[in-house]
Amino acid sequence: MSDTTTTGRQWMRRRPRARWTDAPAPPAPRKCTDDVVVDCALYEDGVRQATLPLREAMKSARERPGSFVWIGLYQPDVEHIAEVADAFGLHPLAVEDAVKAHQRPKLEQYGDTLFLVLKTIVFVEHEKLTATTDVVDTGEILLFVGPDFVVAVRHGSAPGLGRVRKALEGRPDVLAQGPAAVMHAIADQVVDDYLDVADAVELDVEQLEADVFSPGHGDDAERVYQLKRELIEFKRAVQPMARPLQRLAEEPQPSISPEIARYLRDVADHLTQVRERLSGYSELVDGLLAANLSQLAVQQNVDMRRISAGAAILAIPTMIAGFYGMNFEHMPELRWMFGYPLMLGVTAALSFTAYRVFRRVGWL
């Protein structure tokens, strides 16, 4: 399985970021043959030493001071992660979360090991928003960060981390700061993807806004509600991440240097931007839903007035015809030769007058 999948719109504008992963990427390393173990490599003084089998990489990290192993797993089962858990002494509760996934973003500490859960967001490409369109898709990245290891577990549609690995391998001075540098780079990439998806969602919001207020609009309530649901899913991934990133940036951690903490604060700032944008989108979509319902109510009132005006006009000939349909012997103008044309003229004149009145007051 490739670990270099990219998602989102390629033409999306990207804002300048204070990131370590902007350096040119070196050639891709040789991958492990296991579909679950995407990549496993030993790093010493910020330099990749070799792509090793899982057990050998873990053993080397323990034996060589100043080195660490970075293991990437994709949707591992109990058997695959049990070997890693035994080697690094991972807590059973965290291991269970890594296998089952579907966790909220959180940060937990088990001894000298940090367990960080990140929710990823992928924008689902579509030509037009409909009542059943999927706009975003969520995945998970679960990180075990210890003194000499990083274990990254991906689930669902979480993008591959090959781009992050390559960029860091192009910056040995950064990678030499150990597993915490890897943790920052992954968190930074996740939040950066949030910004790209937020840009794409903004286009959907703007298009829907234009449709709702267009002259020939119809009932867009289902489309608005679908976008609102997708925004809620987006917010469920983004909102809970604020607290873990704040803790990483502000609370002293033995494995996190002050330099990395500063970069983590930058990531937290960008997450705040995403949260503010999502709040704005939600308020705008709520307004669009209210506006659409108001427009429907106004349109129904207009239709009812037109129906009422038409019924009033038709009531005039109906009333006159009803009078002359009675079986009385003595009726006005009954035997006059011009009586019938006169009644037709009177009926037409009264109906036309009613039509003009309703047109003037805006009912027709």
Protein backbone atom coordinates (compact mmCIF):
# COMPACT_ATOMS: atom_id res chain seq x y z
CA MET A 1 0.00 0.00 0.00
CA SER A 2 1.35 3.38 -0.95
CA ASP A 3 1.99 5.85 1.81
CA THR A 4 2.14 8.87 -0.45
CA THR A 5 -1.54 9.40 -1.18
CA THR A 6 -2.52 13.04 -1.56
CA THR A 7 -6.04 14.34 -1.31
CA GLY A 8 -7.90 17.61 -1.73
CA ARG A 9 -8.00 20.00 -4.65
CA GLN A 10 -4.63 20.47 -6.31
CA TRP A 11 -5.37 24.05 -7.23
CA MET A 12 -6.18 25.13 -3.69
CA ARG A 13 -4.21 28.12 -2.56
CA ARG A 14 -1.82 27.41 0.29
CA ARG A 15 -0.84 30.00 2.79
CA PRO A 16 2.72 30.42 4.05
CA ARG A 17 3.35 28.34 7.12
CA ALA A 18 6.10 28.17 9.72
CA ARG A 19 6.75 24.48 9.01
CA TRP A 20 9.66 22.11 9.01
CA THR A 21 8.25 19.99 6.20
CA ASP A 22 8.74 22.46 3.34
CA ALA A 23 12.18 21.18 2.35
CA PRO A 24 12.78 19.23 -0.90
CA ALA A 25 12.05 15.54 -0.49
CA PRO A 26 14.78 12.92 -1.03
CA PRO A 27 14.11 9.79 -3.08
CA ALA A 28 11.53 7.42 -1.61
CA PRO A 29 12.96 4.63 0.55
CA ARG A 30 12.34 0.98 -0.07
CA LYS A 31 9.06 -0.09 1.53
CA CYS A 32 8.46 -3.06 3.75
CA THR A 33 6.73 -5.96 2.09
CA ASP A 34 3.96 -6.23 4.66
CA ASP A 35 0.75 -4.41 3.64
CA VAL A 36 0.11 -3.47 7.28
CA VAL A 37 3.66 -2.30 8.02
CA VAL A 38 3.86 0.56 5.53
CA ASP A 39 7.40 1.62 6.48
CA CYS A 40 9.80 0.97 9.33
CA ALA A 41 13.18 2.65 9.49
CA LEU A 42 15.93 3.41 11.95
CA TYR A 43 17.16 7.01 12.32
CA GLU A 44 20.41 8.02 13.97
CA ASP A 45 21.38 11.68 14.41
CA GLY A 46 18.57 12.62 12.03
CA VAL A 47 19.77 10.36 9.22
CA ARG A 48 17.91 7.34 7.97
CA GLN A 49 20.09 4.31 8.43
CA ALA A 50 18.09 1.55 6.76
CA THR A 51 14.68 0.14 6.04
CA LEU A 52 14.56 -2.82 8.37
CA PRO A 53 12.18 -5.61 9.23
CA LEU A 54 9.92 -4.67 12.10
CA ARG A 55 11.60 -6.70 14.85
CA GLU A 56 15.13 -5.78 13.77
CA ALA A 57 14.31 -2.06 13.63
CA MET A 58 12.94 -2.12 17.16
CA LYS A 59 15.95 -4.01 18.47
CA SER A 60 18.39 -1.58 16.84
CA ALA A 61 16.64 1.44 18.34
CA ARG A 62 17.11 -0.02 21.81
CA GLU A 63 20.78 -0.85 21.31
CA ARG A 64 22.03 2.36 19.63
CA PRO A 65 21.92 5.55 21.77
CA GLY A 66 20.70 8.68 20.00
CA SER A 67 18.64 6.70 17.53
CA PHE A 68 14.95 5.98 17.19
CA VAL A 69 12.69 3.89 15.02
CA TRP A 70 9.71 5.22 13.08
CA ILE A 71 7.12 2.58 12.27
CA GLY A 72 4.09 3.25 10.06
CA LEU A 73 1.12 0.89 10.29
CA TYR A 74 -2.11 0.91 8.32
CA GLN A 75 -5.20 -0.59 9.97
CA PRO A 76 -3.27 -3.20 11.97
CA ASP A 77 -4.98 -6.10 13.64
CA VAL A 78 -4.26 -7.38 17.13
CA GLU A 79 -1.49 -9.67 15.92
CA HIS A 80 0.49 -6.93 14.16
CA ILE A 81 0.29 -4.37 16.92
CA ALA A 82 0.92 -6.89 19.70
CA GLU A 83 4.51 -7.30 18.53
CA VAL A 84 5.08 -3.54 18.65
CA ALA A 85 3.31 -3.25 22.00
CA ASP A 86 5.50 -5.93 23.56
CA ALA A 87 8.70 -4.37 22.24
CA PHE A 88 7.98 -0.84 23.49
CA GLY A 89 5.79 -1.60 26.50
CA LEU A 90 2.70 0.16 25.15
CA HIS A 91 -0.24 0.43 27.52
CA PRO A 92 -3.03 -2.10 26.81
CA LEU A 93 -5.72 0.60 26.78
CA ALA A 94 -3.88 2.61 24.15
CA VAL A 95 -3.24 -0.52 22.11
CA GLU A 96 -6.93 -1.36 22.21
CA ASP A 97 -7.76 2.14 20.95
CA ALA A 98 -5.24 1.77 18.14
CA VAL A 99 -6.85 -1.45 16.93
CA LYS A 100 -10.51 -0.44 17.24
CA ALA A 101 -10.04 3.22 16.20
CA HIS A 102 -13.11 5.51 16.21
CA GLN A 103 -11.60 7.61 18.99
CA ARG A 104 -12.00 11.29 19.75
CA PRO A 105 -8.86 13.44 19.42
CA LYS A 106 -7.04 13.18 22.74
CA LEU A 107 -3.66 13.13 24.44
CA GLU A 108 -2.76 10.60 27.11
CA GLN A 109 0.51 9.84 28.85
CA TYR A 110 1.54 6.37 29.97
CA GLY A 111 4.88 6.66 31.74
CA ASP A 112 7.35 8.14 29.27
CA THR A 113 5.10 7.36 26.27
CA LEU A 114 2.67 9.86 24.78
CA PHE A 115 -0.45 8.60 23.02
CA LEU A 116 -1.95 11.16 20.62
CA VAL A 117 -5.11 10.65 18.58
CA LEU A 118 -5.64 12.88 15.54
CA LYS A 119 -8.72 13.02 13.33
CA THR A 120 -7.99 13.51 9.64
CA ILE A 121 -10.31 15.13 7.10
CA VAL A 122 -10.38 14.41 3.37
CA PHE A 123 -12.41 16.50 0.93
CA VAL A 124 -14.64 14.35 -1.30
CA GLU A 125 -14.54 15.73 -4.83
CA HIS A 126 -17.94 16.47 -6.41
CA GLU A 127 -19.25 18.62 -9.23
CA LYS A 128 -22.30 19.96 -7.42
CA LEU A 129 -23.68 19.73 -3.93
CA THR A 130 -26.85 17.63 -3.77
CA ALA A 131 -29.06 16.32 -0.99
CA THR A 132 -26.91 13.15 -0.77
CA THR A 133 -23.43 14.48 -1.57
CA ASP A 134 -20.58 13.50 0.74
CA VAL A 135 -18.39 16.56 1.28
CA VAL A 136 -15.84 15.33 3.82
CA ASP A 137 -14.58 11.95 4.95
CA THR A 138 -12.81 11.31 8.24
CA GLY A 139 -9.97 9.03 9.24
CA GLU A 140 -7.64 8.63 12.20
CA ILE A 141 -3.95 8.77 12.98
CA LEU A 142 -2.89 7.39 16.34
CA LEU A 143 0.65 8.15 17.50
CA PHE A 144 2.71 6.38 20.14
CA VAL A 145 5.69 8.61 20.93
CA GLY A 146 8.41 7.36 23.24
CA PRO A 147 12.07 8.22 23.89
CA ASP A 148 13.32 6.03 21.05
CA PHE A 149 10.31 5.22 18.89
CA VAL A 150 7.36 6.61 16.97
CA VAL A 151 4.52 4.31 15.98
CA ALA A 152 2.00 5.89 13.59
CA VAL A 153 -1.22 3.94 13.08
CA ARG A 154 -3.60 5.03 10.33
CA HIS A 155 -7.24 4.07 9.94
CA GLY A 156 -9.89 4.82 7.33
CA SER A 157 -9.28 7.56 4.80
CA ALA A 158 -6.33 9.09 6.68
CA PRO A 159 -3.82 10.28 4.04
CA GLY A 160 -0.47 8.51 3.87
CA LEU A 161 2.43 9.92 5.82
CA GLY A 162 5.05 9.28 3.14
CA ARG A 163 5.23 12.99 2.26
CA VAL A 164 5.87 13.88 5.91
CA ARG A 165 8.58 11.23 6.22
CA LYS A 166 10.34 12.35 3.03
CA ALA A 167 10.25 16.01 4.03
CA LEU A 168 11.70 15.28 7.46
CA GLU A 169 14.42 13.08 5.98
CA GLY A 170 15.44 16.14 3.98
CA ARG A 171 15.97 18.02 7.26
CA PRO A 172 18.37 15.92 9.37
CA ASP A 173 18.87 18.78 11.81
CA VAL A 174 15.17 18.70 12.63
CA LEU A 175 14.84 14.93 12.60
CA ALA A 176 17.79 14.73 14.99
CA GLN A 177 15.53 16.18 17.69
CA GLY A 178 13.91 12.79 17.91
CA PRO A 179 10.37 11.38 17.98
CA ALA A 180 8.84 14.69 19.13
CA ALA A 181 9.86 16.27 15.81
CA VAL A 182 7.98 13.52 13.98
CA MET A 183 4.92 14.07 16.16
CA HIS A 184 4.96 17.79 15.36
CA ALA A 185 5.35 17.21 11.62
CA ILE A 186 2.41 14.81 11.50
CA ALA A 187 0.16 17.09 13.58
CA ASP A 188 1.18 20.03 11.40
CA GLN A 189 0.30 18.14 8.23
CA VAL A 190 -3.09 17.13 9.62
CA VAL A 191 -3.96 20.74 10.47
CA ASP A 192 -2.60 21.91 7.13
CA ASP A 193 -5.01 19.48 5.45
CA TYR A 194 -7.81 21.02 7.53
CA LEU A 195 -7.03 24.38 5.95
CA ASP A 196 -7.17 22.93 2.45
CA VAL A 197 -10.48 21.20 3.13
CA ALA A 198 -11.86 24.41 4.68
CA ASP A 199 -10.99 26.25 1.46
CA ALA A 200 -12.85 23.63 -0.58
CA VAL A 201 -15.87 23.67 1.72
CA GLU A 202 -15.98 27.46 1.46
CA LEU A 203 -16.54 27.12 -2.28
CA ASP A 204 -19.54 24.88 -1.62
CA VAL A 205 -20.94 27.37 0.88
CA GLU A 206 -20.54 30.24 -1.59
CA GLN A 207 -22.15 28.26 -4.42
CA LEU A 208 -25.07 27.26 -2.22
CA GLU A 209 -25.51 30.84 -1.10
CA ALA A 210 -25.67 31.98 -4.73
CA ASP A 211 -28.24 29.27 -5.54
CA VAL A 212 -30.48 30.10 -2.58
CA PHE A 213 -30.68 33.78 -3.52
CA SER A 214 -30.86 33.27 -7.29
CA PRO A 215 -34.09 34.47 -9.01
CA GLY A 216 -35.11 31.03 -10.25
CA HIS A 217 -34.20 29.09 -7.12
CA GLY A 218 -36.24 26.15 -5.92
CA ASP A 219 -36.40 24.34 -2.61
CA ASP A 220 -32.77 24.06 -1.47
CA ALA A 221 -33.54 22.99 2.10
CA GLU A 222 -32.26 19.43 1.61
CA ARG A 223 -28.99 20.64 0.07
CA VAL A 224 -28.48 23.16 2.87
CA TYR A 225 -29.20 20.53 5.50
CA GLN A 226 -26.75 18.09 3.89
CA LEU A 227 -23.98 20.69 3.95
CA LYS A 228 -24.82 21.44 7.57
CA ARG A 229 -24.42 17.75 8.43
CA GLU A 230 -21.05 17.62 6.69
CA LEU A 231 -19.90 20.72 8.57
CA ILE A 232 -20.90 19.06 11.85
CA GLU A 233 -18.76 16.05 10.93
CA PHE A 234 -15.88 18.41 10.13
CA LYS A 235 -16.28 20.22 13.46
CA ARG A 236 -16.37 16.93 15.39
CA ALA A 237 -12.90 16.20 14.08
CA VAL A 238 -11.46 19.69 14.62
CA GLN A 239 -12.95 20.98 17.87
CA PRO A 240 -11.62 18.31 20.29
CA MET A 241 -8.06 18.68 18.94
CA ALA A 242 -7.61 22.07 20.56
CA ARG A 243 -7.02 20.72 24.07
CA PRO A 244 -4.39 18.07 23.15
CA LEU A 245 -2.39 20.54 21.07
CA GLN A 246 -2.59 23.13 23.82
CA ARG A 247 -1.27 20.63 26.34
CA LEU A 248 1.61 19.65 24.07
CA ALA A 249 2.53 23.29 23.50
CA GLU A 250 2.15 24.60 27.05
CA GLU A 251 2.64 21.75 29.52
CA PRO A 252 6.29 20.71 30.03
CA GLN A 253 7.02 17.28 28.58
CA PRO A 254 10.39 15.55 29.03
CA SER A 255 10.43 14.39 25.42
CA ILE A 256 9.45 17.78 23.91
CA SER A 257 12.11 20.46 23.62
CA PRO A 258 11.22 24.17 23.90
CA GLU A 259 11.90 24.58 20.17
CA ILE A 260 9.37 21.92 19.23
CA ALA A 261 6.89 23.37 21.75
CA ARG A 262 7.07 26.70 19.90
CA TYR A 263 6.26 24.97 16.62
CA LEU A 264 3.40 23.12 18.30
CA ARG A 265 1.98 26.47 19.40
CA ASP A 266 2.04 27.52 15.76
CA VAL A 267 0.05 24.41 14.86
CA ALA A 268 -2.44 25.22 17.61
CA ASP A 269 -2.82 28.75 16.21
CA HIS A 270 -3.65 27.40 12.77
CA LEU A 271 -6.14 25.00 14.31
CA THR A 272 -7.82 28.01 15.93
CA GLN A 273 -8.12 29.59 12.48
CA VAL A 274 -9.85 26.48 11.17
CA ARG A 275 -12.23 26.40 14.13
CA GLU A 276 -13.16 30.05 13.61
CA ARG A 277 -13.77 29.48 9.91
CA LEU A 278 -15.99 26.48 10.62
CA SER A 279 -18.00 28.50 13.12
CA GLY A 280 -18.51 31.16 10.46
CA TYR A 281 -19.56 28.56 7.88
CA SER A 282 -22.03 27.04 10.33
CA GLU A 283 -23.62 30.40 11.08
CA LEU A 284 -23.85 31.18 7.37
CA VAL A 285 -25.43 27.81 6.57
CA ASP A 286 -27.93 28.29 9.41
CA GLY A 287 -28.80 31.65 7.87
CA LEU A 288 -29.18 30.05 4.43
CA LEU A 289 -31.54 27.45 5.84
CA ALA A 290 -33.65 30.14 7.53
CA ALA A 291 -33.61 32.28 4.37
CA ASN A 292 -34.65 29.34 2.21
CA LEU A 293 -37.56 28.50 4.51
CA SER A 294 -38.60 32.16 4.57
CA GLN A 295 -38.52 32.31 0.78
CA LEU A 296 -40.66 29.21 0.58
CA ALA A 297 -43.19 30.75 2.98
CA VAL A 298 -43.27 33.98 0.95
CA GLN A 299 -43.70 32.01 -2.28
CA GLN A 300 -46.56 30.05 -0.76
CA ASN A 301 -48.26 33.30 0.26
CA VAL A 302 -47.86 34.64 -3.28
CA ASP A 303 -49.33 31.47 -4.73
CA MET A 304 -52.24 31.59 -2.33
CA ARG A 305 -53.00 35.20 -3.28
CA ARG A 306 -52.94 34.30 -6.96
CA ILE A 307 -55.26 31.36 -6.37
CA SER A 308 -57.60 33.56 -4.30
CA ALA A 309 -57.64 36.27 -6.98
CA GLY A 310 -58.39 33.74 -9.70
CA ALA A 311 -61.17 32.23 -7.64
CA ALA A 312 -62.67 35.69 -7.04
CA ILE A 313 -62.66 36.47 -10.79
CA LEU A 314 -64.29 33.14 -11.62
CA ALA A 315 -66.91 33.74 -8.93
CA ILE A 316 -68.43 36.63 -10.94
CA PRO A 317 -69.59 34.61 -13.99
CA THR A 318 -70.47 31.73 -11.70
CA MET A 319 -72.78 33.98 -9.65
CA ILE A 320 -74.47 35.51 -12.68
CA ALA A 321 -74.91 32.13 -14.36
CA GLY A 322 -76.35 30.82 -11.12
CA PHE A 323 -79.01 33.55 -11.06
CA TYR A 324 -80.12 32.84 -14.59
CA GLY A 325 -80.07 29.12 -14.06
CA MET A 326 -82.99 29.33 -11.63
CA ASN A 327 -86.36 28.00 -12.82
CA PHE A 328 -88.46 31.11 -12.23
CA GLU A 329 -91.00 32.28 -14.83
CA HIS A 330 -90.55 36.00 -14.23
CA MET A 331 -86.86 37.03 -14.44
CA PRO A 332 -85.33 40.35 -15.57
CA GLU A 333 -84.69 40.57 -19.32
CA LEU A 334 -85.69 36.93 -19.75
CA ARG A 335 -87.61 37.46 -23.01
CA TRP A 336 -85.64 40.49 -24.27
CA MET A 337 -83.68 39.73 -27.43
CA PHE A 338 -80.61 41.62 -26.17
CA GLY A 339 -80.73 40.10 -22.68
CA TYR A 340 -78.19 37.34 -23.36
CA PRO A 341 -75.54 39.62 -24.98
CA LEU A 342 -76.10 42.10 -22.16
CA MET A 343 -75.38 39.48 -19.48
CA LEU A 344 -72.24 38.37 -21.34
CA GLY A 345 -71.03 41.96 -21.55
CA VAL A 346 -71.76 42.65 -17.88
CA THR A 347 -69.98 39.42 -16.88
CA ALA A 348 -66.92 40.25 -19.00
CA ALA A 349 -66.80 43.85 -17.70
CA LEU A 350 -67.03 42.81 -14.05
CA SER A 351 -64.41 40.07 -14.50
CA PHE A 352 -62.02 42.46 -16.27
CA THR A 353 -62.52 45.07 -13.55
CA ALA A 354 -61.71 42.48 -10.85
CA TYR A 355 -58.65 41.41 -12.81
CA ARG A 356 -57.38 45.01 -13.01
CA VAL A 357 -57.95 45.53 -9.29
CA PHE A 358 -56.02 42.38 -8.35
CA ARG A 359 -53.19 43.34 -10.72
CA ARG A 360 -52.94 46.77 -9.16
CA VAL A 361 -52.64 45.41 -5.61
CA GLY A 362 -50.05 42.81 -6.71
CA TRP A 363 -52.10 39.66 -6.33
CA LEU A 364 -51.71 38.74 -10.00
